[in-house]
């Protein structure tokens, strides 16, 4: 199963795209400049066409992105409570800057909506989506690829939520091959050491 091929639910699609706005494998970063940041937010329909951003806004969004990525990792790794609290504190501070409103919906009852201007509005929209995913139970399925050279966010659609890589065809096979080679090297070293000890024992006995 290629976990990365499964589309996430609506509340997580924008969050996954937000985390993948940086690609460690290629060095691409859609938030590298204020202009590329603006184009990305427009492409995701998170801001109005007239929205403008400065360097402080860019740095704030990068910090929120890093904190969200770390929060996703911490849900599946033993990263320590201290580290998790640090990222949660950053996200809580970002949430305090956001103004939320309630909108009635004919079918869903009501929705929380991020309001306001500037960078706080897209941040608020993303945090509302995170909250909705947590409430719906889909949040634990958002993961970061276990391949350290990849780090892409993906949606784990497996039945037992056991997927570790964004794609078994690429990262999964690559990591399994790497683990096999490491075991083979370790076994070779162990065998060589055993041979030397056996030779030394026989020499001493003679």
Protein backbone atom coordinates (compact mmCIF):
# COMPACT_ATOMS: atom_id res chain seq x y z
CA UNK A 1 0.00 0.00 0.00
CA UNK A 2 1.30 3.44 -0.88
CA UNK A 3 0.03 5.54 1.97
CA UNK A 4 0.90 8.82 0.29
CA UNK A 5 -1.50 8.12 -2.59
CA UNK A 6 -4.55 8.36 -0.34
CA UNK A 7 -6.15 11.76 -0.12
CA UNK A 8 -6.66 13.13 3.39
CA UNK A 9 -10.08 14.30 4.58
CA UNK A 10 -11.01 17.88 3.86
CA UNK A 11 -9.92 19.24 7.24
CA UNK A 12 -6.40 17.83 6.78
CA UNK A 13 -5.74 18.51 3.09
CA UNK A 14 -4.62 22.12 3.63
CA UNK A 15 -2.61 21.17 6.74
CA UNK A 16 -0.75 18.46 4.81
CA UNK A 17 -0.04 20.92 1.99
CA UNK A 18 1.15 23.47 4.56
CA UNK A 19 3.64 21.00 6.04
CA UNK A 20 4.80 19.99 2.56
CA UNK A 21 5.43 23.59 1.50
CA UNK A 22 9.04 22.71 2.36
CA UNK A 23 10.70 19.71 0.72
CA UNK A 24 13.95 18.71 2.48
CA UNK A 25 14.79 16.24 -0.30
CA UNK A 26 15.00 18.93 -2.99
CA UNK A 27 15.59 22.04 -0.89
CA UNK A 28 12.39 23.65 -2.16
CA UNK A 29 10.73 26.03 0.29
CA UNK A 30 7.60 27.88 -0.75
CA UNK A 31 8.10 30.20 2.23
CA UNK A 32 11.64 31.20 1.28
CA UNK A 33 10.59 34.76 0.44
CA UNK A 34 7.54 36.90 1.15
CA UNK A 35 6.56 36.75 -2.53
CA UNK A 36 6.70 32.93 -2.78
CA UNK A 37 4.83 32.78 0.52
CA UNK A 38 2.11 35.04 -0.86
CA UNK A 39 1.80 32.95 -4.03
CA UNK A 40 1.48 29.76 -2.00
CA UNK A 41 -1.23 31.19 0.28
CA UNK A 42 -3.13 32.48 -2.76
CA UNK A 43 -2.85 29.08 -4.44
CA UNK A 44 -4.34 27.45 -1.35
CA UNK A 45 -7.09 30.10 -1.19
CA UNK A 46 -6.12 31.01 2.35
CA UNK A 47 -5.85 34.76 1.71
CA UNK A 48 -7.44 37.42 -0.45
CA UNK A 49 -5.62 38.60 -3.62
CA UNK A 50 -4.86 42.00 -2.06
CA UNK A 51 -3.11 40.49 0.98
CA UNK A 52 0.49 41.56 1.58
CA UNK A 53 3.11 40.14 3.93
CA UNK A 54 6.41 41.27 5.41
CA UNK A 55 9.44 39.41 6.71
CA UNK A 56 8.01 39.12 10.23
CA UNK A 57 4.91 37.43 8.76
CA UNK A 58 7.08 35.02 6.81
CA UNK A 59 9.09 34.08 9.88
CA UNK A 60 5.89 33.58 11.88
CA UNK A 61 4.46 31.17 9.31
CA UNK A 62 7.74 29.23 9.16
CA UNK A 63 7.69 28.93 12.95
CA UNK A 64 4.09 27.68 12.93
CA UNK A 65 4.93 25.21 10.17
CA UNK A 66 7.92 23.85 12.11
CA UNK A 67 5.83 23.58 15.28
CA UNK A 68 3.02 21.70 13.50
CA UNK A 69 5.50 19.31 11.87
CA UNK A 70 7.11 18.63 15.25
CA UNK A 71 3.69 18.07 16.81
CA UNK A 72 2.85 15.51 14.12
CA UNK A 73 6.17 13.71 14.70
CA UNK A 74 5.75 13.73 18.48
CA UNK A 75 2.47 11.83 18.18
CA UNK A 76 4.37 8.86 16.73
CA UNK A 77 7.82 9.21 18.28
CA UNK A 78 9.11 9.34 21.83
CA UNK A 79 10.45 12.91 21.58
CA UNK A 80 10.01 13.78 25.26
CA UNK A 81 7.35 15.87 26.97
CA UNK A 82 9.60 18.92 27.19
CA UNK A 83 10.05 19.11 23.44
CA UNK A 84 6.33 18.58 22.81
CA UNK A 85 5.38 21.32 25.29
CA UNK A 86 7.67 23.76 23.49
CA UNK A 87 5.93 23.23 20.15
CA UNK A 88 2.49 23.33 21.76
CA UNK A 89 3.40 26.64 23.41
CA UNK A 90 4.33 28.11 20.02
CA UNK A 91 1.02 26.99 18.53
CA UNK A 92 -0.95 28.28 21.51
CA UNK A 93 0.74 31.66 21.16
CA UNK A 94 -0.19 31.69 17.48
CA UNK A 95 -3.78 30.78 18.37
CA UNK A 96 -4.02 33.69 20.81
CA UNK A 97 -3.37 36.09 17.96
CA UNK A 98 -6.25 34.68 15.94
CA UNK A 99 -9.79 36.03 16.00
CA UNK A 100 -12.43 33.35 15.55
CA UNK A 101 -16.04 33.75 14.52
CA UNK A 102 -19.00 31.39 14.38
CA UNK A 103 -20.91 30.87 11.15
CA UNK A 104 -24.16 28.95 10.94
CA UNK A 105 -24.35 26.29 8.24
CA UNK A 106 -27.62 24.83 6.91
CA UNK A 107 -26.33 21.24 7.13
CA UNK A 108 -23.40 21.22 9.56
CA UNK A 109 -24.96 23.44 12.23
CA UNK A 110 -22.10 25.87 12.74
CA UNK A 111 -18.48 26.37 11.87
CA UNK A 112 -15.59 28.13 13.52
CA UNK A 113 -14.07 30.57 11.06
CA UNK A 114 -10.78 32.46 11.24
CA UNK A 115 -11.30 36.18 10.82
CA UNK A 116 -9.14 39.26 10.67
CA UNK A 117 -6.44 40.48 8.32
CA UNK A 118 -2.81 39.66 7.66
CA UNK A 119 -0.98 36.46 8.43
CA UNK A 120 -3.12 35.60 11.45
CA UNK A 121 -6.05 34.70 9.23
CA UNK A 122 -4.39 31.81 7.33
CA UNK A 123 -2.75 30.64 10.57
CA UNK A 124 -6.16 30.63 12.22
CA UNK A 125 -7.70 28.76 9.31
CA UNK A 126 -5.04 26.06 9.58
CA UNK A 127 -5.39 25.74 13.35
CA UNK A 128 -9.18 25.43 13.02
CA UNK A 129 -8.60 22.59 10.56
CA UNK A 130 -6.22 20.91 13.03
CA UNK A 131 -8.84 21.22 15.76
CA UNK A 132 -11.53 19.78 13.45
CA UNK A 133 -9.27 16.83 12.55
CA UNK A 134 -8.61 16.16 16.23
CA UNK A 135 -12.33 16.24 16.96
CA UNK A 136 -13.07 13.94 14.00
CA UNK A 137 -10.35 11.48 15.03
CA UNK A 138 -8.38 11.80 11.79
CA UNK A 139 -5.46 13.78 13.25
CA UNK A 140 -3.38 10.70 14.28
CA UNK A 141 -3.39 9.59 10.65
CA UNK A 142 -1.38 12.61 9.58
CA UNK A 143 2.26 11.56 9.78
CA UNK A 144 5.73 12.61 8.69
CA UNK A 145 7.69 10.13 6.57
CA UNK A 146 10.18 8.13 8.65
CA UNK A 147 12.81 8.48 5.93
CA UNK A 148 15.07 11.26 7.34
CA UNK A 149 15.97 12.31 3.80
CA UNK A 150 12.30 12.87 2.94
CA UNK A 151 10.23 14.22 5.83
CA UNK A 152 7.07 14.69 3.76
CA UNK A 153 3.72 14.75 5.53
CA UNK A 154 1.30 12.05 4.41
CA UNK A 155 -2.10 10.67 5.32
CA UNK A 156 -1.99 7.10 6.65
CA UNK A 157 -5.07 5.35 5.29
CA UNK A 158 -4.01 1.87 6.43
CA UNK A 159 -6.51 -0.03 8.55
CA UNK A 160 -4.26 -0.23 11.62
CA UNK A 161 -2.56 3.14 11.07
CA UNK A 162 0.84 1.46 10.82
CA UNK A 163 2.28 3.20 7.74
CA UNK A 164 5.70 4.78 8.30
CA UNK A 165 6.62 6.09 4.86
CA UNK A 166 4.92 8.46 2.44
CA UNK A 167 5.42 5.85 -0.30
CA UNK A 168 6.39 2.21 0.00
CA UNK A 169 7.58 2.26 -3.62
CA UNK A 170 10.19 4.92 -2.93
CA UNK A 171 10.94 5.72 0.71
CA UNK A 172 9.75 2.38 2.09
CA UNK A 173 11.92 0.28 -0.22
CA UNK A 174 14.85 2.65 0.22
CA UNK A 175 14.72 2.46 4.02
CA UNK A 176 14.27 -1.32 4.02
CA UNK A 177 17.24 -1.67 1.70
CA UNK A 178 19.30 0.57 3.95
CA UNK A 179 18.36 -1.47 7.03
CA UNK A 180 19.25 -4.72 5.21
CA UNK A 181 22.69 -3.40 4.26
CA UNK A 182 23.31 -2.26 7.83
CA UNK A 183 22.39 -5.71 9.17
CA UNK A 184 24.61 -7.35 6.57
CA UNK A 185 27.57 -5.15 7.53
CA UNK A 186 26.94 -5.82 11.21
CA UNK A 187 26.78 -9.56 10.59
CA UNK A 188 30.00 -9.45 8.58
CA UNK A 189 31.78 -7.60 11.37
CA UNK A 190 30.46 -10.06 13.97
CA UNK A 191 31.55 -13.05 11.87
CA UNK A 192 35.01 -11.60 11.35
CA UNK A 193 35.40 -10.92 15.08
CA UNK A 194 34.31 -14.48 15.92
CA UNK A 195 36.84 -15.83 13.44
CA UNK A 196 39.66 -13.84 14.99
CA UNK A 197 38.73 -14.99 18.48
CA UNK A 198 38.61 -18.61 17.33
CA UNK A 199 42.02 -18.28 15.68
CA UNK A 200 43.49 -16.68 18.80
CA UNK A 201 42.05 -19.45 20.98
CA UNK A 202 43.51 -22.15 18.75
CA UNK A 203 46.92 -20.43 18.67
CA UNK A 204 46.97 -20.17 22.46
CA UNK A 205 46.04 -23.83 22.84
CA UNK A 206 48.88 -24.93 20.57
